[in-house]
Structure formats: C-alpha cells, structure tokens
PDB file of N, CA and C in Angstrom:
ATOM      1  N   MET A   1      18.498  41.781-114.148  1.00  0.00           N
ATOM      2  CA  MET A   1      18.319  42.294-112.809  1.00  0.00           C
ATOM      3  C   MET A   1      18.265  41.124-111.839  1.00  0.00           C
ATOM      4  N   THR A   2      19.027  41.193-110.778  1.00  0.00           N
ATOM      5  CA  THR A   2      19.059  40.131-109.785  1.00  0.00           C
ATOM      6  C   THR A   2      18.192  40.521-108.596  1.00  0.00           C
ATOM      7  N   THR A   3      17.396  39.577-108.112  1.00  0.00           N
ATOM      8  CA  THR A   3      16.518  39.823-106.984  1.00  0.00           C
ATOM      9  C   THR A   3      17.076  39.132-105.755  1.00  0.00           C
ATOM     10  N   ALA A   4      17.063  39.807-104.609  1.00  0.00           N
ATOM     11  CA  ALA A   4      17.563  39.213-103.370  1.00  0.00           C
ATOM     12  C   ALA A   4      16.367  38.801-102.503  1.00  0.00           C
ATOM     13  N   LEU A   5      16.292  37.535-102.163  1.00  0.00           N
ATOM     14  CA  LEU A   5      15.236  37.004-101.305  1.00  0.00           C
ATOM     15  C   LEU A   5      15.873  36.360-100.086  1.00  0.00           C
ATOM     16  N   LYS A   6      15.062  36.115 -99.056  1.00  0.00           N
ATOM     17  CA  LYS A   6      15.584  35.469 -97.853  1.00  0.00           C
ATOM     18  C   LYS A   6      15.454  33.954 -97.918  1.00  0.00           C
ATOM     19  N   SER A   7      14.425  33.467 -98.616  1.00  0.00           N
ATOM     20  CA  SER A   7      14.201  32.030 -98.725  1.00  0.00           C
ATOM     21  C   SER A   7      13.637  31.703-100.095  1.00  0.00           C
ATOM     22  N   ILE A   8      14.152  30.654-100.714  1.00  0.00           N
ATOM     23  CA  ILE A   8      13.675  30.262-102.042  1.00  0.00           C
ATOM     24  C   ILE A   8      12.245  29.719-101.960  1.00  0.00           C
ATOM     25  N   LYS A   9      11.836  29.245-100.793  1.00  0.00           N
ATOM     26  CA  LYS A   9      10.480  28.715-100.625  1.00  0.00           C
ATOM     27  C   LYS A   9       9.424  29.804-100.727  1.00  0.00           C
ATOM     28  N   SER A  10       9.845  31.070-100.581  1.00  0.00           N
ATOM     29  CA  SER A  10       8.884  32.173-100.677  1.00  0.00           C
ATOM     30  C   SER A  10       8.617  32.569-102.127  1.00  0.00           C
ATOM     31  N   LEU A  11       9.248  31.887-103.066  1.00  0.00           N
ATOM     32  CA  LEU A  11       9.098  32.216-104.477  1.00  0.00           C
ATOM     33  C   LEU A  11       8.221  31.169-105.165  1.00  0.00           C
ATOM     34  N   ALA A  12       7.091  31.603-105.718  1.00  0.00           N
ATOM     35  CA  ALA A  12       6.179  30.717-106.441  1.00  0.00           C
ATOM     36  C   ALA A  12       6.067  31.216-107.881  1.00  0.00           C
ATOM     37  N   PRO A  13       6.573  30.456-108.858  1.00  0.00           N
ATOM     38  CA  PRO A  13       6.498  30.885-110.254  1.00  0.00           C
ATOM     39  C   PRO A  13       5.048  31.064-110.720  1.00  0.00           C
ATOM     40  N   LEU A  14       4.841  32.044-111.596  1.00  0.00           N
ATOM     41  CA  LEU A  14       3.516  32.296-112.148  1.00  0.00           C
ATOM     42  C   LEU A  14       3.416  31.744-113.563  1.00  0.00           C
ATOM     43  N   LEU A  15       2.194  31.474-113.988  1.00  0.00           N
ATOM     44  CA  LEU A  15       1.885  31.001-115.336  1.00  0.00           C
ATOM     45  C   LEU A  15       2.796  29.855-115.767  1.00  0.00           C
ATOM     46  N   ASP A  16       3.526  30.008-116.890  1.00  0.00           N
ATOM     47  CA  ASP A  16       4.331  28.903-117.414  1.00  0.00           C
ATOM     48  C   ASP A  16       5.810  29.023-117.041  1.00  0.00           C
ATOM     49  N   ARG A  17       6.100  29.701-115.948  1.00  0.00           N
ATOM     50  CA  ARG A  17       7.500  29.878-115.551  1.00  0.00           C
ATOM     51  C   ARG A  17       7.982  28.712-114.700  1.00  0.00           C
ATOM     52  N   ILE A  18       9.272  28.403-114.867  1.00  0.00           N
ATOM     53  CA  ILE A  18       9.908  27.269-114.189  1.00  0.00           C
ATOM     54  C   ILE A  18      11.115  27.797-113.414  1.00  0.00           C
ATOM     55  N   LEU A  19      11.204  27.480-112.121  1.00  0.00           N
ATOM     56  CA  LEU A  19      12.349  27.871-111.300  1.00  0.00           C
ATOM     57  C   LEU A  19      13.356  26.726-111.298  1.00  0.00           C
ATOM     58  N   VAL A  20      14.588  27.015-111.725  1.00  0.00           N
ATOM     59  CA  VAL A  20      15.623  25.978-111.800  1.00  0.00           C
ATOM     60  C   VAL A  20      16.886  26.441-111.084  1.00  0.00           C
ATOM     61  N   GLN A  21      17.694  25.462-110.688  1.00  0.00           N
ATOM     62  CA  GLN A  21      19.025  25.740-110.160  1.00  0.00           C
ATOM     63  C   GLN A  21      20.017  24.979-111.023  1.00  0.00           C
ATOM     64  N   ARG A  22      20.964  25.732-111.569  1.00  0.00           N
ATOM     65  CA  ARG A  22      21.988  25.150-112.445  1.00  0.00           C
ATOM     66  C   ARG A  22      22.822  24.141-111.651  1.00  0.00           C
ATOM     67  N   ILE A  23      23.101  22.994-112.254  1.00  0.00           N
ATOM     68  CA  ILE A  23      23.936  21.971-111.615  1.00  0.00           C
ATOM     69  C   ILE A  23      25.388  22.382-111.775  1.00  0.00           C
ATOM     70  N   LYS A  24      26.107  22.368-110.666  1.00  0.00           N
ATOM     71  CA  LYS A  24      27.510  22.785-110.695  1.00  0.00           C
ATOM     72  C   LYS A  24      28.389  21.667-111.264  1.00  0.00           C
ATOM     73  N   ALA A  25      29.355  22.057-112.081  1.00  0.00           N
ATOM     74  CA  ALA A  25      30.278  21.095-112.678  1.00  0.00           C
ATOM     75  C   ALA A  25      31.239  20.563-111.607  1.00  0.00           C
ATOM     76  N   GLU A  26      31.692  19.342-111.816  1.00  0.00           N
ATOM     77  CA  GLU A  26      32.649  18.731-110.901  1.00  0.00           C
ATOM     78  C   GLU A  26      33.976  19.480-110.951  1.00  0.00           C
ATOM     79  N   THR A  27      34.539  19.770-109.777  1.00  0.00           N
ATOM     80  CA  THR A  27      35.832  20.447-109.722  1.00  0.00           C
ATOM     81  C   THR A  27      36.958  19.452-109.445  1.00  0.00           C
ATOM     82  N   LYS A  28      36.608  18.170-109.444  1.00  0.00           N
ATOM     83  CA  LYS A  28      37.590  17.125-109.175  1.00  0.00           C
ATOM     84  C   LYS A  28      37.538  16.107-110.303  1.00  0.00           C
ATOM     85  N   THR A  29      38.678  15.756-110.864  1.00  0.00           N
ATOM     86  CA  THR A  29      38.730  14.782-111.948  1.00  0.00           C
ATOM     87  C   THR A  29      38.575  13.372-111.399  1.00  0.00           C
ATOM     88  N   ALA A  30      38.411  12.404-112.294  1.00  0.00           N
ATOM     89  CA  ALA A  30      38.262  11.001-111.887  1.00  0.00           C
ATOM     90  C   ALA A  30      39.489  10.497-111.144  1.00  0.00           C
ATOM     91  N   SER A  31      40.659  11.051-111.456  1.00  0.00           N
ATOM     92  CA  SER A  31      41.879  10.611-110.787  1.00  0.00           C
ATOM     93  C   SER A  31      42.139  11.360-109.485  1.00  0.00           C
ATOM     94  N   GLY A  32      41.247  12.297-109.102  1.00  0.00           N
ATOM     95  CA  GLY A  32      41.361  12.972-107.815  1.00  0.00           C
ATOM     96  C   GLY A  32      42.026  14.337-107.852  1.00  0.00           C
ATOM     97  N   ILE A  33      42.303  14.858-109.035  1.00  0.00           N
ATOM     98  CA  ILE A  33      42.940  16.166-109.152  1.00  0.00           C
ATOM     99  C   ILE A  33      41.865  17.249-109.085  1.00  0.00           C
ATOM    100  N   PHE A  34      42.081  18.258-108.234  1.00  0.00           N
ATOM    101  CA  PHE A  34      41.132  19.359-108.126  1.00  0.00           C
ATOM    102  C   PHE A  34      41.441  20.414-109.176  1.00  0.00           C
ATOM    103  N   LEU A  35      40.406  20.885-109.873  1.00  0.00           N
ATOM    104  CA  LEU A  35      40.549  21.889-110.923  1.00  0.00           C
ATOM    105  C   LEU A  35      40.203  23.268-110.367  1.00  0.00           C
ATOM    106  N   PRO A  36      40.895  24.316-110.817  1.00  0.00           N
ATOM    107  CA  PRO A  36      40.516  25.670-110.386  1.00  0.00           C
ATOM    108  C   PRO A  36      39.178  26.058-110.991  1.00  0.00           C
ATOM    109  N   GLU A  37      38.428  26.910-110.285  1.00  0.00           N
ATOM    110  CA  GLU A  37      37.093  27.298-110.756  1.00  0.00           C
ATOM    111  C   GLU A  37      37.131  27.947-112.127  1.00  0.00           C
ATOM    112  N   SER A  38      38.225  28.635-112.454  1.00  0.00           N
ATOM    113  CA  SER A  38      38.309  29.326-113.743  1.00  0.00           C
ATOM    114  C   SER A  38      38.362  28.364-114.924  1.00  0.00           C
ATOM    115  N   SER A  39      38.786  27.128-114.691  1.00  0.00           N
ATOM    116  CA  SER A  39      38.889  26.170-115.794  1.00  0.00           C
ATOM    117  C   SER A  39      37.662  25.266-115.918  1.00  0.00           C
ATOM    118  N   VAL A  40      36.716  25.380-114.988  1.00  0.00           N
ATOM    119  CA  VAL A  40      35.522  24.540-115.014  1.00  0.00           C
ATOM    120  C   VAL A  40      34.412  25.273-115.754  1.00  0.00           C
ATOM    121  N   LYS A  41      33.892  24.645-116.831  1.00  0.00           N
ATOM    122  CA  LYS A  41      32.802  25.242-117.615  1.00  0.00           C
ATOM    123  C   LYS A  41      31.485  25.098-116.871  1.00  0.00           C
ATOM    124  N   GLU A  42      30.591  26.070-117.096  1.00  0.00           N
ATOM    125  CA  GLU A  42      29.257  25.990-116.541  1.00  0.00           C
ATOM    126  C   GLU A  42      28.448  24.975-117.341  1.00  0.00           C
ATOM    127  N   LEU A  43      27.757  24.109-116.655  1.00  0.00           N
ATOM    128  CA  LEU A  43      26.928  23.119-117.333  1.00  0.00           C
ATOM    129  C   LEU A  43      25.598  23.730-117.741  1.00  0.00           C
ATOM    130  N   ASN A  44      25.003  23.183-118.769  1.00  0.00           N
ATOM    131  CA  ASN A  44      23.682  23.629-119.214  1.00  0.00           C
ATOM    132  C   ASN A  44      22.587  22.748-118.625  1.00  0.00           C
ATOM    133  N   GLU A  45      22.906  22.037-117.565  1.00  0.00           N
ATOM    134  CA  GLU A  45      21.922  21.185-116.902  1.00  0.00           C
ATOM    135  C   GLU A  45      21.447  21.878-115.631  1.00  0.00           C
ATOM    136  N   ALA A  46      20.166  21.672-115.318  1.00  0.00           N
ATOM    137  CA  ALA A  46      19.596  22.287-114.125  1.00  0.00           C
ATOM    138  C   ALA A  46      18.556  21.358-113.514  1.00  0.00           C
ATOM    139  N   ARG A  47      18.297  21.566-112.238  1.00  0.00           N
ATOM    140  CA  ARG A  47      17.286  20.812-111.509  1.00  0.00           C
ATOM    141  C   ARG A  47      16.076  21.722-111.331  1.00  0.00           C
ATOM    142  N   VAL A  48      14.885  21.221-111.655  1.00  0.00           N
ATOM    143  CA  VAL A  48      13.647  21.994-111.516  1.00  0.00           C
ATOM    144  C   VAL A  48      13.253  22.011-110.037  1.00  0.00           C
ATOM    145  N   LEU A  49      13.067  23.216-109.490  1.00  0.00           N
ATOM    146  CA  LEU A  49      12.690  23.361-108.081  1.00  0.00           C
ATOM    147  C   LEU A  49      11.209  23.658-107.895  1.00  0.00           C
ATOM    148  N   ALA A  50      10.653  24.484-108.788  1.00  0.00           N
ATOM    149  CA  ALA A  50       9.231  24.844-108.686  1.00  0.00           C
ATOM    150  C   ALA A  50       8.682  25.120-110.081  1.00  0.00           C
ATOM    151  N   VAL A  51       7.391  24.879-110.237  1.00  0.00           N
ATOM    152  CA  VAL A  51       6.733  25.031-111.537  1.00  0.00           C
ATOM    153  C   VAL A  51       5.448  25.825-111.338  1.00  0.00           C
ATOM    154  N   GLY A  52       5.203  26.783-112.231  1.00  0.00           N
ATOM    155  CA  GLY A  52       3.956  27.545-112.193  1.00  0.00           C
ATOM    156  C   GLY A  52       2.783  26.686-112.645  1.00  0.00           C
ATOM    157  N   PRO A  53       1.554  27.187-112.501  1.00  0.00           N
ATOM    158  CA  PRO A  53       0.372  26.398-112.861  1.00  0.00           C
ATOM    159  C   PRO A  53       0.208  26.182-114.360  1.00  0.00           C
ATOM    160  N   GLY A  54       0.901  26.954-115.182  1.00  0.00           N
ATOM    161  CA  GLY A  54       0.800  26.809-116.638  1.00  0.00           C
ATOM    162  C   GLY A  54       0.151  28.030-117.265  1.00  0.00           C
ATOM    163  N   GLY A  55       0.455  28.237-118.528  1.00  0.00           N
ATOM    164  CA  GLY A  55      -0.106  29.379-119.255  1.00  0.00           C
ATOM    165  C   GLY A  55      -1.483  29.059-119.796  1.00  0.00           C
ATOM    166  N   LEU A  56      -2.076  30.057-120.438  1.00  0.00           N
ATOM    167  CA  LEU A  56      -3.395  29.882-121.046  1.00  0.00           C
ATOM    168  C   LEU A  56      -3.252  29.878-122.558  1.00  0.00           C
ATOM    169  N   ASP A  57      -4.008  28.984-123.232  1.00  0.00           N
ATOM    170  CA  ASP A  57      -3.983  28.967-124.689  1.00  0.00           C
ATOM    171  C   ASP A  57      -4.982  29.989-125.235  1.00  0.00           C
ATOM    172  N   LYS A  58      -5.174  30.017-126.546  1.00  0.00           N
ATOM    173  CA  LYS A  58      -6.048  31.015-127.178  1.00  0.00           C
ATOM    174  C   LYS A  58      -7.506  30.873-126.750  1.00  0.00           C
ATOM    175  N   GLU A  59      -7.886  29.664-126.345  1.00  0.00           N
ATOM    176  CA  GLU A  59      -9.264  29.414-125.923  1.00  0.00           C
ATOM    177  C   GLU A  59      -9.466  29.626-124.429  1.00  0.00           C
ATOM    178  N   GLY A  60      -8.397  30.011-123.726  1.00  0.00           N
ATOM    179  CA  GLY A  60      -8.490  30.257-122.286  1.00  0.00           C
ATOM    180  C   GLY A  60      -8.316  29.020-121.424  1.00  0.00           C
ATOM    181  N   LYS A  61      -7.918  27.906-122.033  1.00  0.00           N
ATOM    182  CA  LYS A  61      -7.703  26.669-121.273  1.00  0.00           C
ATOM    183  C   LYS A  61      -6.267  26.633-120.753  1.00  0.00           C
ATOM    184  N   ARG A  62      -6.106  26.105-119.562  1.00  0.00           N
ATOM    185  CA  ARG A  62      -4.793  26.020-118.920  1.00  0.00           C
ATOM    186  C   ARG A  62      -3.943  24.949-119.607  1.00  0.00           C
ATOM    187  N   VAL A  63      -2.706  25.301-119.968  1.00  0.00           N
ATOM    188  CA  VAL A  63      -1.754  24.361-120.564  1.00  0.00           C
ATOM    189  C   VAL A  63      -0.742  24.016-119.488  1.00  0.00           C
ATOM    190  N   THR A  64      -0.731  22.763-119.057  1.00  0.00           N
ATOM    191  CA  THR A  64       0.162  22.374-117.966  1.00  0.00           C
ATOM    192  C   THR A  64       1.615  22.340-118.456  1.00  0.00           C
ATOM    193  N   PRO A  65       2.556  22.737-117.596  1.00  0.00           N
ATOM    194  CA  PRO A  65       3.979  22.711-117.967  1.00  0.00           C
ATOM    195  C   PRO A  65       4.455  21.285-118.249  1.00  0.00           C
ATOM    196  N   SER A  66       5.517  21.180-119.038  1.00  0.00           N
ATOM    197  CA  SER A  66       6.017  19.872-119.460  1.00  0.00           C
ATOM    198  C   SER A  66       6.966  19.233-118.450  1.00  0.00           C
ATOM    199  N   VAL A  67       7.291  19.922-117.374  1.00  0.00           N
ATOM    200  CA  VAL A  67       8.194  19.375-116.353  1.00  0.00           C
ATOM    201  C   VAL A  67       7.550  19.482-114.982  1.00  0.00           C
ATOM    202  N   THR A  68       8.097  18.734-114.036  1.00  0.00           N
ATOM    203  CA  THR A  68       7.634  18.776-112.645  1.00  0.00           C
ATOM    204  C   THR A  68       8.834  19.012-111.734  1.00  0.00           C
ATOM    205  N   PRO A  69       8.610  19.474-110.508  1.00  0.00           N
ATOM    206  CA  PRO A  69       9.730  19.669-109.581  1.00  0.00           C
ATOM    207  C   PRO A  69      10.508  18.373-109.398  1.00  0.00           C
ATOM    208  N   GLY A  70      11.835  18.496-109.405  1.00  0.00           N
ATOM    209  CA  GLY A  70      12.708  17.331-109.274  1.00  0.00           C
ATOM    210  C   GLY A  70      13.269  16.861-110.601  1.00  0.00           C
ATOM    211  N   ASP A  71      12.672  17.272-111.724  1.00  0.00           N
ATOM    212  CA  ASP A  71      13.170  16.876-113.041  1.00  0.00           C
ATOM    213  C   ASP A  71      14.516  17.536-113.324  1.00  0.00           C
ATOM    214  N   LYS A  72      15.300  16.879-114.155  1.00  0.00           N
ATOM    215  CA  LYS A  72      16.566  17.430-114.618  1.00  0.00           C
ATOM    216  C   LYS A  72      16.344  17.885-116.059  1.00  0.00           C
ATOM    217  N   VAL A  73      16.745  19.125-116.363  1.00  0.00           N
ATOM    218  CA  VAL A  73      16.471  19.693-117.684  1.00  0.00           C
ATOM    219  C   VAL A  73      17.736  20.294-118.289  1.00  0.00           C
ATOM    220  N   LEU A  74      17.685  20.467-119.600  1.00  0.00           N
ATOM    221  CA  LEU A  74      18.748  21.133-120.350  1.00  0.00           C
ATOM    222  C   LEU A  74      18.260  22.552-120.612  1.00  0.00           C
ATOM    223  N   ILE A  75      19.070  23.541-120.198  1.00  0.00           N
ATOM    224  CA  ILE A  75      18.673  24.942-120.342  1.00  0.00           C
ATOM    225  C   ILE A  75      19.612  25.654-121.307  1.00  0.00           C
ATOM    226  N   PRO A  76      19.173  26.771-121.882  1.00  0.00           N
ATOM    227  CA  PRO A  76      20.050  27.515-122.785  1.00  0.00           C
ATOM    228  C   PRO A  76      21.230  28.125-122.030  1.00  0.00           C
ATOM    229  N   GLN A  77      22.327  28.350-122.743  1.00  0.00           N
ATOM    230  CA  GLN A  77      23.536  28.930-122.143  1.00  0.00           C
ATOM    231  C   GLN A  77      23.225  30.293-121.524  1.00  0.00           C
ATOM    232  N   TYR A  78      22.453  31.106-122.247  1.00  0.00           N
ATOM    233  CA  TYR A  78      22.101  32.437-121.769  1.00  0.00           C
ATOM    234  C   TYR A  78      20.591  32.550-121.705  1.00  0.00           C
ATOM    235  N   GLY A  79      20.105  33.478-120.905  1.00  0.00           N
ATOM    236  CA  GLY A  79      18.667  33.692-120.814  1.00  0.00           C
ATOM    237  C   GLY A  79      18.158  33.394-119.425  1.00  0.00           C
ATOM    238  N   GLY A  80      16.875  33.480-119.269  1.00  0.00           N
ATOM    239  CA  GLY A  80      16.266  33.295-117.969  1.00  0.00           C
ATOM    240  C   GLY A  80      16.417  34.545-117.119  1.00  0.00           C
ATOM    241  N   SER A  81      15.663  34.597-116.056  1.00  0.00           N
ATOM    242  CA  SER A  81      15.743  35.715-115.116  1.00  0.00           C
ATOM    243  C   SER A  81      16.464  35.243-113.869  1.00  0.00           C
ATOM    244  N   PRO A  82      17.633  35.830-113.550  1.00  0.00           N
ATOM    245  CA  PRO A  82      18.384  35.381-112.384  1.00  0.00           C
ATOM    246  C   PRO A  82      17.714  35.788-111.072  1.00  0.00           C
ATOM    247  N   VAL A  83      17.759  34.881-110.098  1.00  0.00           N
ATOM    248  CA  VAL A  83      17.238  35.131-108.763  1.00  0.00           C
ATOM    249  C   VAL A  83      18.324  34.695-107.791  1.00  0.00           C
ATOM    250  N   LYS A  84      18.702  35.577-106.859  1.00  0.00           N
ATOM    251  CA  LYS A  84      19.754  35.238-105.911  1.00  0.00           C
ATOM    252  C   LYS A  84      19.163  35.171-104.509  1.00  0.00           C
ATOM    253  N   VAL A  85      19.445  34.066-103.820  1.00  0.00           N
ATOM    254  CA  VAL A  85      19.010  33.878-102.440  1.00  0.00           C
ATOM    255  C   VAL A  85      20.259  33.557-101.641  1.00  0.00           C
ATOM    256  N   GLY A  86      20.698  34.497-100.824  1.00  0.00           N
ATOM    257  CA  GLY A  86      21.952  34.321-100.099  1.00  0.00           C
ATOM    258  C   GLY A  86      23.087  34.215-101.103  1.00  0.00           C
ATOM    259  N   GLU A  87      23.836  33.136-101.040  1.00  0.00           N
ATOM    260  CA  GLU A  87      24.935  32.901-101.975  1.00  0.00           C
ATOM    261  C   GLU A  87      24.517  32.033-103.164  1.00  0.00           C
ATOM    262  N   GLU A  88      23.325  31.444-103.093  1.00  0.00           N
ATOM    263  CA  GLU A  88      22.842  30.547-104.146  1.00  0.00           C
ATOM    264  C   GLU A  88      22.185  31.336-105.272  1.00  0.00           C
ATOM    265  N   GLU A  89      22.395  30.877-106.513  1.00  0.00           N
ATOM    266  CA  GLU A  89      21.777  31.514-107.668  1.00  0.00           C
ATOM    267  C   GLU A  89      20.807  30.554-108.347  1.00  0.00           C
ATOM    268  N   TYR A  90      19.655  31.081-108.713  1.00  0.00           N
ATOM    269  CA  TYR A  90      18.604  30.331-109.378  1.00  0.00           C
ATOM    270  C   TYR A  90      18.208  31.092-110.642  1.00  0.00           C
ATOM    271  N   SER A  91      17.418  30.473-111.495  1.00  0.00           N
ATOM    272  CA  SER A  91      16.935  31.141-112.712  1.00  0.00           C
ATOM    273  C   SER A  91      15.477  30.781-112.953  1.00  0.00           C
ATOM    274  N   LEU A  92      14.752  31.744-113.512  1.00  0.00           N
ATOM    275  CA  LEU A  92      13.368  31.517-113.929  1.00  0.00           C
ATOM    276  C   LEU A  92      13.323  31.492-115.449  1.00  0.00           C
ATOM    277  N   PHE A  93      12.786  30.412-116.010  1.00  0.00           N
ATOM    278  CA  PHE A  93      12.623  30.267-117.448  1.00  0.00           C
ATOM    279  C   PHE A  93      11.154  30.037-117.750  1.00  0.00           C
ATOM    280  N   ARG A  94      10.736  30.386-118.959  1.00  0.00           N
ATOM    281  CA  ARG A  94       9.410  29.986-119.420  1.00  0.00           C
ATOM    282  C   ARG A  94       9.502  28.541-119.892  1.00  0.00           C
ATOM    283  N   ASP A  95       8.388  27.835-119.847  1.00  0.00           N
ATOM    284  CA  ASP A  95       8.366  26.421-120.217  1.00  0.00           C
ATOM    285  C   ASP A  95       8.917  26.198-121.626  1.00  0.00           C
ATOM    286  N   HIS A  96       8.565  27.051-122.576  1.00  0.00           N
ATOM    287  CA  HIS A  96       9.018  26.856-123.959  1.00  0.00           C
ATOM    288  C   HIS A  96      10.503  27.190-124.146  1.00  0.00           C
ATOM    289  N   GLU A  97      11.157  27.827-123.170  1.00  0.00           N
ATOM    290  CA  GLU A  97      12.586  28.135-123.277  1.00  0.00           C
ATOM    291  C   GLU A  97      13.472  26.947-122.885  1.00  0.00           C
ATOM    292  N   LEU A  98      12.931  25.993-122.145  1.00  0.00           N
ATOM    293  CA  LEU A  98      13.708  24.809-121.765  1.00  0.00           C
ATOM    294  C   LEU A  98      13.979  23.985-123.027  1.00  0.00           C
ATOM    295  N   LEU A  99      15.208  23.495-123.142  1.00  0.00           N
ATOM    296  CA  LEU A  99      15.601  22.786-124.364  1.00  0.00           C
ATOM    297  C   LEU A  99      15.193  21.317-124.360  1.00  0.00           C
ATOM    298  N   ALA A 100      15.344  20.665-123.210  1.00  0.00           N
ATOM    299  CA  ALA A 100      15.019  19.234-123.144  1.00  0.00           C
ATOM    300  C   ALA A 100      14.868  18.799-121.699  1.00  0.00           C
ATOM    301  N   LYS A 101      14.161  17.694-121.518  1.00  0.00           N
ATOM    302  CA  LYS A 101      14.042  17.042-120.210  1.00  0.00           C
ATOM    303  C   LYS A 101      14.990  15.852-120.235  1.00  0.00           C
ATOM    304  N   ILE A 102      15.825  15.723-119.210  1.00  0.00           N
ATOM    305  CA  ILE A 102      16.793  14.625-119.155  1.00  0.00           C
ATOM    306  C   ILE A 102      16.186  13.482-118.352  1.00  0.00           C
ATOM    307  N   ASN A 103      15.960  12.351-119.002  1.00  0.00           N
ATOM    308  CA  ASN A 103      15.429  11.162-118.337  1.00  0.00           C
ATOM    309  C   ASN A 103      16.586  10.304-117.874  1.00  0.00           C
ATOM    310  N   GLU A 104      16.634  10.045-116.584  1.00  0.00           N
ATOM    311  CA  GLU A 104      17.735   9.231-116.038  1.00  0.00           C
ATOM    312  C   GLU A 104      17.238   7.871-115.628  1.00  0.00           C
TER     313      GLU A 104
END
C-alpha cells in the first residue's frame, strides 16, 4: 500500500523503523552515452533519511538502531513499506531488515 504525504518531514518513523530513499542508478555511461530507463537496474543502495527511537528488548530496555540519518545502506531487493511524497518514493524498513551499512 502506498501512502501519499505532502512533505517527507512530516513522517517520523516509530520504534526500530528506518526511512530510506533508494539511490538512483546512473543513466549516463563513463563515455557520456545516455541509457534508457528500461535498461538501468535498480540499485540496492539507499540513503537513510530518518530513524525511529529503537525497539524494546525482552527486558523493556530501548535498543538503539544501528544506523543514523545520512548513512548509506544496502537494502533488500524487495520488501519495506513504500511511501510516496509527490513524485519521490521512499521506503520504511525495520532495522533488522537492512542488509549492511556502507562505510565510505
């Protein structure tokens, strides 16, 4: 289910959820040739935009998420909850669904 919002800033993830925006693949090759959108694969990389406060463990203690806003992460090909704001698409994932943090 896709949700339509007016501003992404009005969205605050709850518990251990992470709001990400998928990084778009380059449509131009190194030699300057532009590729059609149909031939460009979707990348599994995303930029973290917002992070919830973290989930609770069995003892009721808060477990802080493993990423912070601005981090670059590897996300699964499918999954997450899609969120659409205008023409931009975002996704909400749980912290444990993220595959890796990309250190640059």
